[in-house]
């Protein structure tokens, strides 16, 4: 066994790992989980009409 055999073995090992990661990432069982993660930044948006904060960043004062 020389260095070229080791290089060939490591290439095959990395290729198998790459295929495994692709299988994991693009598998149909993970689609819902990844869609939820992709939409997470939009989950905490507040409707502008319901918010007591004006678009300029200042809080509205009550009518006294």
PDB file of N, CA and C in Angstrom:
ATOM      1  N   UNK A   1       0.861  -1.179   0.000  1.00  0.00           N
ATOM      2  CA  UNK A   1       0.000   0.000   0.000  1.00  0.00           C
ATOM      3  C   UNK A   1       0.902   1.235   0.000  1.00  0.00           C
ATOM      4  N   UNK A   2       0.758   2.047  -0.998  1.00  0.00           N
ATOM      5  CA  UNK A   2       1.543   3.278  -1.073  1.00  0.00           C
ATOM      6  C   UNK A   2       0.618   4.489  -0.967  1.00  0.00           C
ATOM      7  N   UNK A   3       1.150   5.681  -1.151  1.00  0.00           N
ATOM      8  CA  UNK A   3       0.403   6.928  -0.968  1.00  0.00           C
ATOM      9  C   UNK A   3      -0.743   7.051  -1.972  1.00  0.00           C
ATOM     10  N   UNK A   4      -0.578   6.487  -3.162  1.00  0.00           N
ATOM     11  CA  UNK A   4      -1.633   6.580  -4.170  1.00  0.00           C
ATOM     12  C   UNK A   4      -2.858   5.755  -3.780  1.00  0.00           C
ATOM     13  N   UNK A   5      -2.656   4.621  -3.131  1.00  0.00           N
ATOM     14  CA  UNK A   5      -3.787   3.842  -2.633  1.00  0.00           C
ATOM     15  C   UNK A   5      -4.537   4.623  -1.559  1.00  0.00           C
ATOM     16  N   UNK A   6      -3.808   5.297  -0.690  1.00  0.00           N
ATOM     17  CA  UNK A   6      -4.421   6.112   0.366  1.00  0.00           C
ATOM     18  C   UNK A   6      -5.212   7.278  -0.235  1.00  0.00           C
ATOM     19  N   UNK A   7      -4.664   7.895  -1.258  1.00  0.00           N
ATOM     20  CA  UNK A   7      -5.360   8.993  -1.935  1.00  0.00           C
ATOM     21  C   UNK A   7      -6.647   8.503  -2.597  1.00  0.00           C
ATOM     22  N   UNK A   8      -6.590   7.351  -3.241  1.00  0.00           N
ATOM     23  CA  UNK A   8      -7.778   6.790  -3.877  1.00  0.00           C
ATOM     24  C   UNK A   8      -8.845   6.432  -2.849  1.00  0.00           C
ATOM     25  N   UNK A   9      -8.418   5.837  -1.732  1.00  0.00           N
ATOM     26  CA  UNK A   9      -9.357   5.484  -0.675  1.00  0.00           C
ATOM     27  C   UNK A   9      -9.996   6.739  -0.074  1.00  0.00           C
ATOM     28  N   UNK A  10      -9.204   7.784   0.151  1.00  0.00           N
ATOM     29  CA  UNK A  10      -9.765   9.010   0.726  1.00  0.00           C
ATOM     30  C   UNK A  10     -10.724   9.688  -0.255  1.00  0.00           C
ATOM     31  N   UNK A  11     -10.441   9.600  -1.552  1.00  0.00           N
ATOM     32  CA  UNK A  11     -11.351  10.172  -2.545  1.00  0.00           C
ATOM     33  C   UNK A  11     -12.698   9.457  -2.520  1.00  0.00           C
ATOM     34  N   UNK A  12     -12.669   8.138  -2.451  1.00  0.00           N
ATOM     35  CA  UNK A  12     -13.907   7.367  -2.389  1.00  0.00           C
ATOM     36  C   UNK A  12     -14.659   7.674  -1.099  1.00  0.00           C
ATOM     37  N   UNK A  13     -13.951   7.791   0.006  1.00  0.00           N
ATOM     38  CA  UNK A  13     -14.574   8.099   1.293  1.00  0.00           C
ATOM     39  C   UNK A  13     -15.243   9.473   1.274  1.00  0.00           C
ATOM     40  N   UNK A  14     -14.582  10.476   0.708  1.00  0.00           N
ATOM     41  CA  UNK A  14     -15.156  11.820   0.614  1.00  0.00           C
ATOM     42  C   UNK A  14     -16.355  11.823  -0.329  1.00  0.00           C
ATOM     43  N   UNK A  15     -16.300  11.053  -1.404  1.00  0.00           N
ATOM     44  CA  UNK A  15     -17.425  10.973  -2.331  1.00  0.00           C
ATOM     45  C   UNK A  15     -18.645  10.352  -1.638  1.00  0.00           C
ATOM     46  N   UNK A  16     -18.429   9.312  -0.858  1.00  0.00           N
ATOM     47  CA  UNK A  16     -19.531   8.686  -0.120  1.00  0.00           C
ATOM     48  C   UNK A  16     -20.110   9.661   0.904  1.00  0.00           C
ATOM     49  N   UNK A  17     -19.247  10.418   1.585  1.00  0.00           N
ATOM     50  CA  UNK A  17     -19.730  11.410   2.547  1.00  0.00           C
ATOM     51  C   UNK A  17     -20.537  12.503   1.848  1.00  0.00           C
ATOM     52  N   UNK A  18     -20.090  12.946   0.681  1.00  0.00           N
ATOM     53  CA  UNK A  18     -20.803  13.968  -0.077  1.00  0.00           C
ATOM     54  C   UNK A  18     -22.178  13.475  -0.504  1.00  0.00           C
ATOM     55  N   UNK A  19     -22.252  12.260  -0.998  1.00  0.00           N
ATOM     56  CA  UNK A  19     -23.539  11.692  -1.399  1.00  0.00           C
ATOM     57  C   UNK A  19     -24.456  11.559  -0.186  1.00  0.00           C
ATOM     58  N   UNK A  20     -23.895  11.194   0.960  1.00  0.00           N
ATOM     59  CA  UNK A  20     -24.692  11.093   2.181  1.00  0.00           C
ATOM     60  C   UNK A  20     -25.256  12.427   2.626  1.00  0.00           C
ATOM     61  N   UNK A  21     -24.456  13.478   2.547  1.00  0.00           N
ATOM     62  CA  UNK A  21     -24.932  14.813   2.924  1.00  0.00           C
ATOM     63  C   UNK A  21     -26.012  15.285   1.949  1.00  0.00           C
ATOM     64  N   UNK A  22     -25.826  15.026   0.670  1.00  0.00           N
ATOM     65  CA  UNK A  22     -26.848  15.402  -0.318  1.00  0.00           C
ATOM     66  C   UNK A  22     -28.133  14.627  -0.077  1.00  0.00           C
ATOM     67  N   UNK A  23     -28.025  13.356   0.228  1.00  0.00           N
ATOM     68  CA  UNK A  23     -29.203  12.533   0.516  1.00  0.00           C
ATOM     69  C   UNK A  23     -29.940  13.084   1.733  1.00  0.00           C
ATOM     70  N   UNK A  24     -29.169  13.466   2.762  1.00  0.00           N
ATOM     71  CA  UNK A  24     -29.777  14.006   3.982  1.00  0.00           C
ATOM     72  C   UNK A  24     -30.448  15.353   3.705  1.00  0.00           C
ATOM     73  N   UNK A  25     -29.768  16.233   2.969  1.00  0.00           N
ATOM     74  CA  UNK A  25     -30.281  17.586   2.757  1.00  0.00           C
ATOM     75  C   UNK A  25     -31.482  17.626   1.814  1.00  0.00           C
ATOM     76  N   UNK A  26     -31.468  16.809   0.797  1.00  0.00           N
ATOM     77  CA  UNK A  26     -32.515  16.879  -0.215  1.00  0.00           C
ATOM     78  C   UNK A  26     -33.532  15.750  -0.108  1.00  0.00           C
ATOM     79  N   UNK A  27     -33.463  14.994   0.954  1.00  0.00           N
ATOM     80  CA  UNK A  27     -34.419  13.908   1.145  1.00  0.00           C
ATOM     81  C   UNK A  27     -35.816  14.438   1.408  1.00  0.00           C
ATOM     82  N   UNK A  28     -36.824  13.731   0.949  1.00  0.00           N
ATOM     83  CA  UNK A  28     -38.200  14.217   1.117  1.00  0.00           C
ATOM     84  C   UNK A  28     -38.663  14.269   2.573  1.00  0.00           C
ATOM     85  N   UNK A  29     -38.028  13.514   3.450  1.00  0.00           N
ATOM     86  CA  UNK A  29     -38.459  13.518   4.846  1.00  0.00           C
ATOM     87  C   UNK A  29     -38.059  14.808   5.572  1.00  0.00           C
ATOM     88  N   UNK A  30     -37.127  15.566   5.041  1.00  0.00           N
ATOM     89  CA  UNK A  30     -36.664  16.801   5.678  1.00  0.00           C
ATOM     90  C   UNK A  30     -37.284  18.055   5.055  1.00  0.00           C
ATOM     91  N   UNK A  31     -38.088  17.923   4.032  1.00  0.00           N
ATOM     92  CA  UNK A  31     -38.615  19.084   3.312  1.00  0.00           C
ATOM     93  C   UNK A  31     -39.407  20.012   4.225  1.00  0.00           C
ATOM     94  N   UNK A  32     -40.311  19.477   5.014  1.00  0.00           N
ATOM     95  CA  UNK A  32     -41.149  20.292   5.906  1.00  0.00           C
ATOM     96  C   UNK A  32     -40.282  21.018   6.937  1.00  0.00           C
ATOM     97  N   UNK A  33     -39.311  20.324   7.498  1.00  0.00           N
ATOM     98  CA  UNK A  33     -38.429  20.922   8.502  1.00  0.00           C
ATOM     99  C   UNK A  33     -37.625  22.084   7.907  1.00  0.00           C
ATOM    100  N   UNK A  34     -37.100  21.906   6.701  1.00  0.00           N
ATOM    101  CA  UNK A  34     -36.326  22.968   6.076  1.00  0.00           C
ATOM    102  C   UNK A  34     -37.203  24.129   5.624  1.00  0.00           C
ATOM    103  N   UNK A  35     -38.432  23.856   5.203  1.00  0.00           N
ATOM    104  CA  UNK A  35     -39.350  24.946   4.848  1.00  0.00           C
ATOM    105  C   UNK A  35     -39.701  25.781   6.077  1.00  0.00           C
ATOM    106  N   UNK A  36     -39.909  25.116   7.209  1.00  0.00           N
ATOM    107  CA  UNK A  36     -40.185  25.846   8.447  1.00  0.00           C
ATOM    108  C   UNK A  36     -38.985  26.701   8.855  1.00  0.00           C
ATOM    109  N   UNK A  37     -37.793  26.175   8.713  1.00  0.00           N
ATOM    110  CA  UNK A  37     -36.585  26.931   9.052  1.00  0.00           C
ATOM    111  C   UNK A  37     -36.394  28.113   8.102  1.00  0.00           C
ATOM    112  N   UNK A  38     -36.731  27.927   6.837  1.00  0.00           N
ATOM    113  CA  UNK A  38     -36.594  29.012   5.864  1.00  0.00           C
ATOM    114  C   UNK A  38     -37.580  30.143   6.133  1.00  0.00           C
ATOM    115  N   UNK A  39     -38.754  29.826   6.667  1.00  0.00           N
ATOM    116  CA  UNK A  39     -39.771  30.836   6.938  1.00  0.00           C
ATOM    117  C   UNK A  39     -39.687  31.395   8.350  1.00  0.00           C
ATOM    118  N   UNK A  40     -38.775  30.932   9.160  1.00  0.00           N
ATOM    119  CA  UNK A  40     -38.658  31.383  10.548  1.00  0.00           C
ATOM    120  C   UNK A  40     -38.418  32.898  10.678  1.00  0.00           C
ATOM    121  N   UNK A  41     -37.614  33.530   9.833  1.00  0.00           N
ATOM    122  CA  UNK A  41     -37.430  34.981   9.979  1.00  0.00           C
ATOM    123  C   UNK A  41     -38.715  35.785   9.783  1.00  0.00           C
ATOM    124  N   UNK A  42     -39.674  35.232   9.080  1.00  0.00           N
ATOM    125  CA  UNK A  42     -40.920  35.945   8.806  1.00  0.00           C
ATOM    126  C   UNK A  42     -42.010  35.636   9.823  1.00  0.00           C
ATOM    127  N   UNK A  43     -41.758  34.746  10.752  1.00  0.00           N
ATOM    128  CA  UNK A  43     -42.772  34.309  11.701  1.00  0.00           C
ATOM    129  C   UNK A  43     -43.116  35.369  12.744  1.00  0.00           C
ATOM    130  N   UNK A  44     -42.200  36.273  13.037  1.00  0.00           N
ATOM    131  CA  UNK A  44     -42.443  37.251  14.093  1.00  0.00           C
ATOM    132  C   UNK A  44     -42.816  38.630  13.551  1.00  0.00           C
ATOM    133  N   UNK A  45     -43.207  38.718  12.299  1.00  0.00           N
ATOM    134  CA  UNK A  45     -43.626  40.007  11.752  1.00  0.00           C
ATOM    135  C   UNK A  45     -44.935  40.440  12.399  1.00  0.00           C
ATOM    136  N   UNK A  46     -45.027  41.712  12.722  1.00  0.00           N
ATOM    137  CA  UNK A  46     -46.204  42.276  13.374  1.00  0.00           C
ATOM    138  C   UNK A  46     -46.926  43.158  12.362  1.00  0.00           C
ATOM    139  N   UNK A  47     -48.235  43.073  12.355  1.00  0.00           N
ATOM    140  CA  UNK A  47     -49.022  43.914  11.476  1.00  0.00           C
ATOM    141  C   UNK A  47     -48.840  45.368  11.901  1.00  0.00           C
ATOM    142  N   UNK A  48     -48.617  46.264  10.949  1.00  0.00           N
ATOM    143  CA  UNK A  48     -48.338  47.668  11.256  1.00  0.00           C
ATOM    144  C   UNK A  48     -49.529  48.325  11.934  1.00  0.00           C
ATOM    145  N   UNK A  49     -50.737  47.954  11.603  1.00  0.00           N
ATOM    146  CA  UNK A  49     -51.916  48.572  12.196  1.00  0.00           C
ATOM    147  C   UNK A  49     -52.077  48.186  13.658  1.00  0.00           C
ATOM    148  N   UNK A  50     -51.604  47.025  14.059  1.00  0.00           N
ATOM    149  CA  UNK A  50     -51.748  46.571  15.436  1.00  0.00           C
ATOM    150  C   UNK A  50     -50.622  47.050  16.332  1.00  0.00           C
ATOM    151  N   UNK A  51     -49.542  47.511  15.767  1.00  0.00           N
ATOM    152  CA  UNK A  51     -48.366  47.875  16.540  1.00  0.00           C
ATOM    153  C   UNK A  51     -48.508  49.282  17.123  1.00  0.00           C
ATOM    154  N   UNK A  52     -48.143  49.482  18.406  1.00  0.00           N
ATOM    155  CA  UNK A  52     -48.182  50.815  18.989  1.00  0.00           C
ATOM    156  C   UNK A  52     -46.981  51.675  18.582  1.00  0.00           C
ATOM    157  N   UNK A  53     -46.071  51.102  17.807  1.00  0.00           N
ATOM    158  CA  UNK A  53     -44.882  51.832  17.384  1.00  0.00           C
ATOM    159  C   UNK A  53     -45.086  52.307  15.953  1.00  0.00           C
ATOM    160  N   UNK A  54     -44.875  53.615  15.737  1.00  0.00           N
ATOM    161  CA  UNK A  54     -45.012  54.187  14.414  1.00  0.00           C
ATOM    162  C   UNK A  54     -43.839  53.734  13.542  1.00  0.00           C
ATOM    163  N   UNK A  55     -43.985  53.845  12.226  1.00  0.00           N
ATOM    164  CA  UNK A  55     -42.883  53.440  11.338  1.00  0.00           C
ATOM    165  C   UNK A  55     -41.588  54.221  11.578  1.00  0.00           C
ATOM    166  N   UNK A  56     -41.675  55.424  12.152  1.00  0.00           N
ATOM    167  CA  UNK A  56     -40.454  56.188  12.406  1.00  0.00           C
ATOM    168  C   UNK A  56     -39.746  55.738  13.689  1.00  0.00           C
ATOM    169  N   UNK A  57     -40.300  54.763  14.408  1.00  0.00           N
ATOM    170  CA  UNK A  57     -39.645  54.198  15.573  1.00  0.00           C
ATOM    171  C   UNK A  57     -40.105  54.769  16.897  1.00  0.00           C
ATOM    172  N   UNK A  58     -40.983  55.783  16.886  1.00  0.00           N
ATOM    173  CA  UNK A  58     -41.463  56.378  18.129  1.00  0.00           C
ATOM    174  C   UNK A  58     -42.785  55.753  18.535  1.00  0.00           C
ATOM    175  N   UNK A  59     -42.940  55.573  19.824  1.00  0.00           N
ATOM    176  CA  UNK A  59     -44.175  54.976  20.340  1.00  0.00           C
ATOM    177  C   UNK A  59     -45.295  55.992  20.357  1.00  0.00           C
ATOM    178  N   UNK A  60     -46.507  55.558  20.026  1.00  0.00           N
ATOM    179  CA  UNK A  60     -47.661  56.455  20.017  1.00  0.00           C
ATOM    180  C   UNK A  60     -48.092  56.726  21.442  1.00  0.00           C
ATOM    181  N   UNK A  61     -48.498  57.951  21.709  1.00  0.00           N
ATOM    182  CA  UNK A  61     -49.000  58.350  23.038  1.00  0.00           C
ATOM    183  C   UNK A  61     -50.512  58.234  23.041  1.00  0.00           C
ATOM    184  N   UNK A  62     -51.061  57.857  24.176  1.00  0.00           N
ATOM    185  CA  UNK A  62     -52.517  57.727  24.303  1.00  0.00           C
ATOM    186  C   UNK A  62     -53.186  59.090  24.308  1.00  0.00           C
ATOM    187  N   UNK A  63     -54.431  59.130  23.924  1.00  0.00           N
ATOM    188  CA  UNK A  63     -55.193  60.365  23.928  1.00  0.00           C
ATOM    189  C   UNK A  63     -55.720  60.613  25.342  1.00  0.00           C
ATOM    190  N   UNK A  64     -55.157  61.587  26.038  1.00  0.00           N
ATOM    191  CA  UNK A  64     -55.596  61.935  27.412  1.00  0.00           C
ATOM    192  C   UNK A  64     -56.409  63.182  27.435  1.00  0.00           C
TER     193      UNK A  64
END
